[in-house]
């Protein structure tokens, strides 16, 4: 066997080993202390990225897609937790109105794209047409076919305009999704997350898988690839996704020098109004 062929076999083996390691479900859960420490580090880096986006006038779009209960919302929450909502905002559009249904499909997403110095996180995006709309029959065959033709061009157009576009697919197993659904049913604070559409999706697991495979085949392009996040372990998924996002946008540390608070104004002529004239919140706790 030639050296070239040997190297090719070695590369294949390496990729297989890496994939196996990434999919390994038998690893122990991350310790809470370690997770919180690493998350804190990444969130500090996100603040640095935010300041770089603002200074350089970058336009960043991040799409979060995946099955229901895959962990998209939890990851988005950790990303935005320490960021300025005027710079980084989340877009989670609801069901289109009757008027929006008559528009060009991408039209209702375009107004939510970022201006210079902004990052927009789409909690589900225009890929609804390739997923839920296709599987549940909310669009016609012609509308679906047109979307699949135009989507790669639409994304290339966004990239040519200067937008940095990053797409994440959160992959969760059937067993783990069922476990998360059950936990939502049992928890009153999470029950709102389970919509009738989520429940119907369980009965159409295979159809969703086929739709996702076809979507990847057409929209996983060289210019705008899909990045798959193994999401059975929520904590690892959050850390891995944030770490990868930081690697996609080169940035510099613009952390300002330590700030010194000025002395508070001292004015002995100020007299506070009587506290009895104000309405206070009852101290129930």
Protein backbone atom coordinates (compact mmCIF):
# COMPACT_ATOMS: atom_id res chain seq x y z
CA UNK A 1 0.00 0.00 0.00
CA UNK A 2 1.35 3.43 -0.94
CA UNK A 3 2.06 6.11 1.64
CA UNK A 4 -0.77 8.17 0.13
CA UNK A 5 -3.29 5.34 0.54
CA UNK A 6 -2.04 4.61 4.03
CA UNK A 7 -2.47 8.25 5.02
CA UNK A 8 -6.00 8.28 3.60
CA UNK A 9 -6.95 5.20 5.66
CA UNK A 10 -5.38 6.81 8.73
CA UNK A 11 -7.42 10.00 8.19
CA UNK A 12 -10.64 7.99 7.88
CA UNK A 13 -9.85 6.10 11.07
CA UNK A 14 -9.08 9.30 12.90
CA UNK A 15 -12.36 10.92 11.82
CA UNK A 16 -14.26 7.79 12.90
CA UNK A 17 -12.56 7.79 16.27
CA UNK A 18 -13.31 11.47 16.78
CA UNK A 19 -16.97 10.95 15.86
CA UNK A 20 -17.22 7.99 18.25
CA UNK A 21 -15.75 10.02 21.06
CA UNK A 22 -18.14 12.89 20.41
CA UNK A 23 -21.16 10.56 20.38
CA UNK A 24 -20.10 8.66 23.49
CA UNK A 25 -22.96 8.69 25.98
CA UNK A 26 -21.24 6.73 28.74
CA UNK A 27 -19.04 9.59 29.87
CA UNK A 28 -19.76 10.81 33.41
CA UNK A 29 -21.78 13.97 33.84
CA UNK A 30 -19.80 17.17 34.15
CA UNK A 31 -19.30 18.28 37.73
CA UNK A 32 -21.42 21.33 38.51
CA UNK A 33 -18.41 23.28 39.80
CA UNK A 34 -16.38 22.54 36.67
CA UNK A 35 -19.31 23.38 34.38
CA UNK A 36 -19.97 26.71 36.07
CA UNK A 37 -16.27 27.60 36.01
CA UNK A 38 -15.95 26.86 32.30
CA UNK A 39 -19.22 28.62 31.50
CA UNK A 40 -18.00 31.69 33.36
CA UNK A 41 -14.80 31.73 31.27
CA UNK A 42 -16.76 31.43 28.04
CA UNK A 43 -19.23 34.14 29.05
CA UNK A 44 -16.33 36.53 29.70
CA UNK A 45 -15.08 35.78 26.19
CA UNK A 46 -18.57 36.42 24.83
CA UNK A 47 -18.47 39.89 26.40
CA UNK A 48 -15.15 40.50 24.63
CA UNK A 49 -16.69 39.31 21.37
CA UNK A 50 -19.66 41.60 21.92
CA UNK A 51 -17.41 44.64 22.33
CA UNK A 52 -15.49 43.67 19.19
CA UNK A 53 -18.72 43.31 17.20
CA UNK A 54 -19.79 46.75 18.38
CA UNK A 55 -16.47 48.46 17.62
CA UNK A 56 -15.94 46.84 14.22
CA UNK A 57 -19.54 47.19 13.11
CA UNK A 58 -19.91 43.47 12.46
CA UNK A 59 -23.25 41.91 11.55
CA UNK A 60 -23.65 38.44 13.04
CA UNK A 61 -26.53 35.98 12.62
CA UNK A 62 -26.62 32.67 14.50
CA UNK A 63 -29.33 30.10 13.75
CA UNK A 64 -30.37 27.50 16.33
CA UNK A 65 -32.29 24.57 14.92
CA UNK A 66 -33.01 21.03 16.06
CA UNK A 67 -35.70 18.77 17.43
CA UNK A 68 -38.02 19.93 20.19
CA UNK A 69 -36.39 19.81 23.65
CA UNK A 70 -32.92 19.52 22.10
CA UNK A 71 -31.56 22.31 24.31
CA UNK A 72 -31.52 25.27 21.94
CA UNK A 73 -33.23 27.64 24.37
CA UNK A 74 -30.94 26.75 27.25
CA UNK A 75 -27.86 27.44 25.16
CA UNK A 76 -29.24 30.74 23.90
CA UNK A 77 -30.00 31.74 27.48
CA UNK A 78 -26.40 31.09 28.55
CA UNK A 79 -25.05 33.05 25.59
CA UNK A 80 -27.18 36.12 26.25
CA UNK A 81 -26.98 35.98 30.04
CA UNK A 82 -24.11 38.45 30.33
CA UNK A 83 -24.55 40.36 27.08
CA UNK A 84 -26.06 43.73 26.29
CA UNK A 85 -29.55 43.18 24.77
CA UNK A 86 -29.01 46.27 22.64
CA UNK A 87 -26.16 44.49 20.88
CA UNK A 88 -27.17 40.84 21.14
CA UNK A 89 -30.87 40.06 20.75
CA UNK A 90 -32.94 36.92 20.34
CA UNK A 91 -35.54 36.48 17.60
CA UNK A 92 -38.18 33.80 18.13
CA UNK A 93 -41.00 34.40 15.67
CA UNK A 94 -44.43 32.90 16.24
CA UNK A 95 -46.91 31.49 13.77
CA UNK A 96 -47.12 33.71 10.65
CA UNK A 97 -50.20 35.88 10.30
CA UNK A 98 -52.58 35.55 7.38
CA UNK A 99 -50.89 38.57 5.78
CA UNK A 100 -47.40 37.14 6.32
CA UNK A 101 -48.45 33.89 4.69
CA UNK A 102 -48.96 35.82 1.43
CA UNK A 103 -45.51 37.44 1.54
CA UNK A 104 -42.25 36.25 0.06
CA UNK A 105 -41.27 33.50 2.48
CA UNK A 106 -38.08 35.15 3.76
CA UNK A 107 -39.74 38.56 4.06
CA UNK A 108 -40.68 38.37 7.74
CA UNK A 109 -37.16 37.30 8.69
CA UNK A 110 -35.36 40.09 6.83
CA UNK A 111 -36.48 42.94 9.16
CA UNK A 112 -34.92 41.04 12.08
CA UNK A 113 -31.46 40.84 10.50
CA UNK A 114 -28.73 42.81 12.29
CA UNK A 115 -27.45 46.27 11.54
CA UNK A 116 -23.76 47.09 12.01
CA UNK A 117 -22.58 46.31 15.52
CA UNK A 118 -25.30 43.74 16.28
CA UNK A 119 -25.60 39.99 16.79
CA UNK A 120 -28.96 38.27 16.31
CA UNK A 121 -29.71 34.77 17.59
CA UNK A 122 -32.61 33.07 15.80
CA UNK A 123 -34.40 30.56 18.04
CA UNK A 124 -35.68 28.67 15.01
CA UNK A 125 -35.49 30.42 11.70
CA UNK A 126 -36.48 30.24 8.05
CA UNK A 127 -35.72 26.52 8.26
CA UNK A 128 -39.22 26.03 9.68
CA UNK A 129 -40.26 25.47 6.08
CA UNK A 130 -37.82 22.58 5.68
CA UNK A 131 -38.91 21.02 8.98
CA UNK A 132 -42.22 21.49 10.72
CA UNK A 133 -44.01 23.06 7.74
CA UNK A 134 -42.93 20.24 5.45
CA UNK A 135 -43.70 17.41 7.89
CA UNK A 136 -46.98 18.83 9.17
CA UNK A 137 -48.24 19.86 5.73
CA UNK A 138 -48.31 23.60 6.43
CA UNK A 139 -46.79 24.36 3.02
CA UNK A 140 -47.41 23.01 -0.45
CA UNK A 141 -44.98 20.85 -2.38
CA UNK A 142 -44.24 23.79 -4.68
CA UNK A 143 -43.55 26.11 -1.74
CA UNK A 144 -41.21 23.55 -0.21
CA UNK A 145 -39.39 22.96 -3.49
CA UNK A 146 -38.96 26.70 -4.01
CA UNK A 147 -37.56 27.10 -0.50
CA UNK A 148 -34.99 24.38 -1.06
CA UNK A 149 -33.94 26.04 -4.32
CA UNK A 150 -33.75 29.57 -2.95
CA UNK A 151 -32.44 29.03 0.58
CA UNK A 152 -28.77 28.43 -0.34
CA UNK A 153 -28.89 31.49 -2.62
CA UNK A 154 -30.54 33.57 0.09
CA UNK A 155 -27.81 32.65 2.56
CA UNK A 156 -25.04 33.31 0.05
CA UNK A 157 -26.61 36.71 -0.56
CA UNK A 158 -26.54 37.45 3.18
CA UNK A 159 -22.89 36.45 3.36
CA UNK A 160 -21.99 38.60 0.33
CA UNK A 161 -23.67 41.55 2.04
CA UNK A 162 -21.21 41.23 4.94
CA UNK A 163 -23.27 39.19 7.39
CA UNK A 164 -21.47 36.48 9.36
CA UNK A 165 -23.88 33.53 9.33
CA UNK A 166 -23.44 30.53 11.64
CA UNK A 167 -25.91 27.61 11.71
CA UNK A 168 -26.26 25.10 14.57
CA UNK A 169 -28.27 21.91 14.59
CA UNK A 170 -28.86 20.45 18.06
CA UNK A 171 -28.99 16.67 17.79
CA UNK A 172 -30.81 14.76 20.53
CA UNK A 173 -31.66 11.06 20.74
CA UNK A 174 -35.17 9.67 20.84
CA UNK A 175 -34.64 8.40 24.39
CA UNK A 176 -33.33 11.72 25.70
CA UNK A 177 -36.07 13.74 24.02
CA UNK A 178 -38.72 11.53 25.61
CA UNK A 179 -37.10 12.00 29.01
CA UNK A 180 -37.13 15.78 28.62
CA UNK A 181 -40.74 15.79 27.47
CA UNK A 182 -41.73 13.81 30.55
CA UNK A 183 -39.85 16.21 32.83
CA UNK A 184 -41.72 19.12 31.27
CA UNK A 185 -45.04 17.42 31.86
CA UNK A 186 -44.16 16.93 35.53
CA UNK A 187 -42.85 20.48 36.08
CA UNK A 188 -45.50 23.25 36.11
CA UNK A 189 -42.84 25.87 35.32
CA UNK A 190 -41.84 24.02 32.14
CA UNK A 191 -45.20 22.75 30.95
CA UNK A 192 -45.70 25.81 28.74
CA UNK A 193 -42.78 24.59 26.63
CA UNK A 194 -44.82 21.62 25.44
CA UNK A 195 -47.08 22.71 22.61
CA UNK A 196 -49.53 20.45 20.76
CA UNK A 197 -47.09 20.62 17.84
CA UNK A 198 -44.29 19.25 20.05
CA UNK A 199 -46.43 16.26 20.99
CA UNK A 200 -47.34 15.60 17.36
CA UNK A 201 -43.65 15.66 16.45
CA UNK A 202 -43.10 12.56 18.60
CA UNK A 203 -45.44 10.61 16.35
CA UNK A 204 -43.54 11.78 13.26
CA UNK A 205 -39.97 11.13 14.39
CA UNK A 206 -39.00 9.33 11.18
CA UNK A 207 -40.58 11.98 8.93
CA UNK A 208 -38.65 14.69 10.77
CA UNK A 209 -35.43 12.68 10.37
CA UNK A 210 -35.98 12.36 6.62
CA UNK A 211 -36.78 16.08 6.33
CA UNK A 212 -33.63 16.98 8.26
CA UNK A 213 -31.47 14.71 6.08
CA UNK A 214 -32.79 16.29 2.88
CA UNK A 215 -32.37 19.78 4.35
CA UNK A 216 -28.73 19.02 5.15
CA UNK A 217 -28.12 17.55 1.71
CA UNK A 218 -29.14 20.82 0.05
CA UNK A 219 -28.33 23.57 2.57
CA UNK A 220 -25.12 22.25 4.16
CA UNK A 221 -22.98 24.28 1.77
CA UNK A 222 -19.30 25.13 1.74
CA UNK A 223 -20.09 28.83 2.18
CA UNK A 224 -22.57 28.21 5.00
CA UNK A 225 -22.22 24.77 6.63
CA UNK A 226 -24.33 23.24 9.36
CA UNK A 227 -22.55 22.61 12.66
CA UNK A 228 -24.06 19.70 14.59
CA UNK A 229 -24.10 19.91 18.39
CA UNK A 230 -24.41 16.61 20.26
CA UNK A 231 -27.05 17.66 22.77
CA UNK A 232 -27.93 14.61 24.90
CA UNK A 233 -25.75 16.15 27.61
CA UNK A 234 -27.06 19.69 28.08
CA UNK A 235 -24.04 21.06 29.91
CA UNK A 236 -21.53 19.73 27.40
CA UNK A 237 -23.71 20.95 24.52
CA UNK A 238 -23.79 24.49 25.92
CA UNK A 239 -20.05 24.66 26.51
CA UNK A 240 -19.19 23.10 23.15
CA UNK A 241 -21.56 25.39 21.21
CA UNK A 242 -20.37 28.59 22.89
CA UNK A 243 -16.72 27.60 22.48
CA UNK A 244 -17.28 26.89 18.78
CA UNK A 245 -19.17 30.15 18.23
CA UNK A 246 -16.26 32.08 19.72
CA UNK A 247 -13.90 30.32 17.31
CA UNK A 248 -15.95 31.39 14.27
CA UNK A 249 -15.44 35.14 14.71
CA UNK A 250 -11.88 36.43 15.20
CA UNK A 251 -11.92 39.12 17.88
CA UNK A 252 -9.59 41.10 20.08
CA UNK A 253 -9.76 41.85 23.78
CA UNK A 254 -11.14 45.35 24.25
CA UNK A 255 -11.57 45.07 28.01
CA UNK A 256 -11.24 48.61 29.42
CA UNK A 257 -8.80 49.50 32.16
CA UNK A 258 -10.02 49.09 35.75
CA UNK A 259 -12.71 51.65 36.52
CA UNK A 260 -12.49 53.87 39.57
CA UNK A 261 -15.76 55.15 40.98
CA UNK A 262 -15.89 58.94 41.46
CA UNK A 263 -16.86 60.21 44.91
CA UNK A 264 -20.57 60.61 45.44
CA UNK A 265 -21.92 64.14 45.44
CA UNK A 266 -22.36 65.49 48.94
CA UNK A 267 -25.12 68.05 49.23
CA UNK A 268 -26.32 68.82 52.73
CA UNK A 269 -29.20 70.94 51.34
CA UNK A 270 -31.02 67.89 49.93
CA UNK A 271 -33.95 66.70 52.02
CA UNK A 272 -35.59 63.39 51.13
CA UNK A 273 -39.43 63.47 50.98
CA UNK A 274 -41.22 61.62 53.78
CA UNK A 275 -41.17 57.87 53.16
CA UNK A 276 -44.83 57.66 54.15
CA UNK A 277 -45.67 59.58 50.96
CA UNK A 278 -44.40 56.66 48.82
CA UNK A 279 -46.05 53.35 47.98
CA UNK A 280 -43.84 50.38 48.75
CA UNK A 281 -44.06 46.75 47.69
CA UNK A 282 -45.29 44.63 50.61
CA UNK A 283 -42.44 42.66 52.22
CA UNK A 284 -44.01 39.23 51.92
CA UNK A 285 -40.62 37.54 52.18
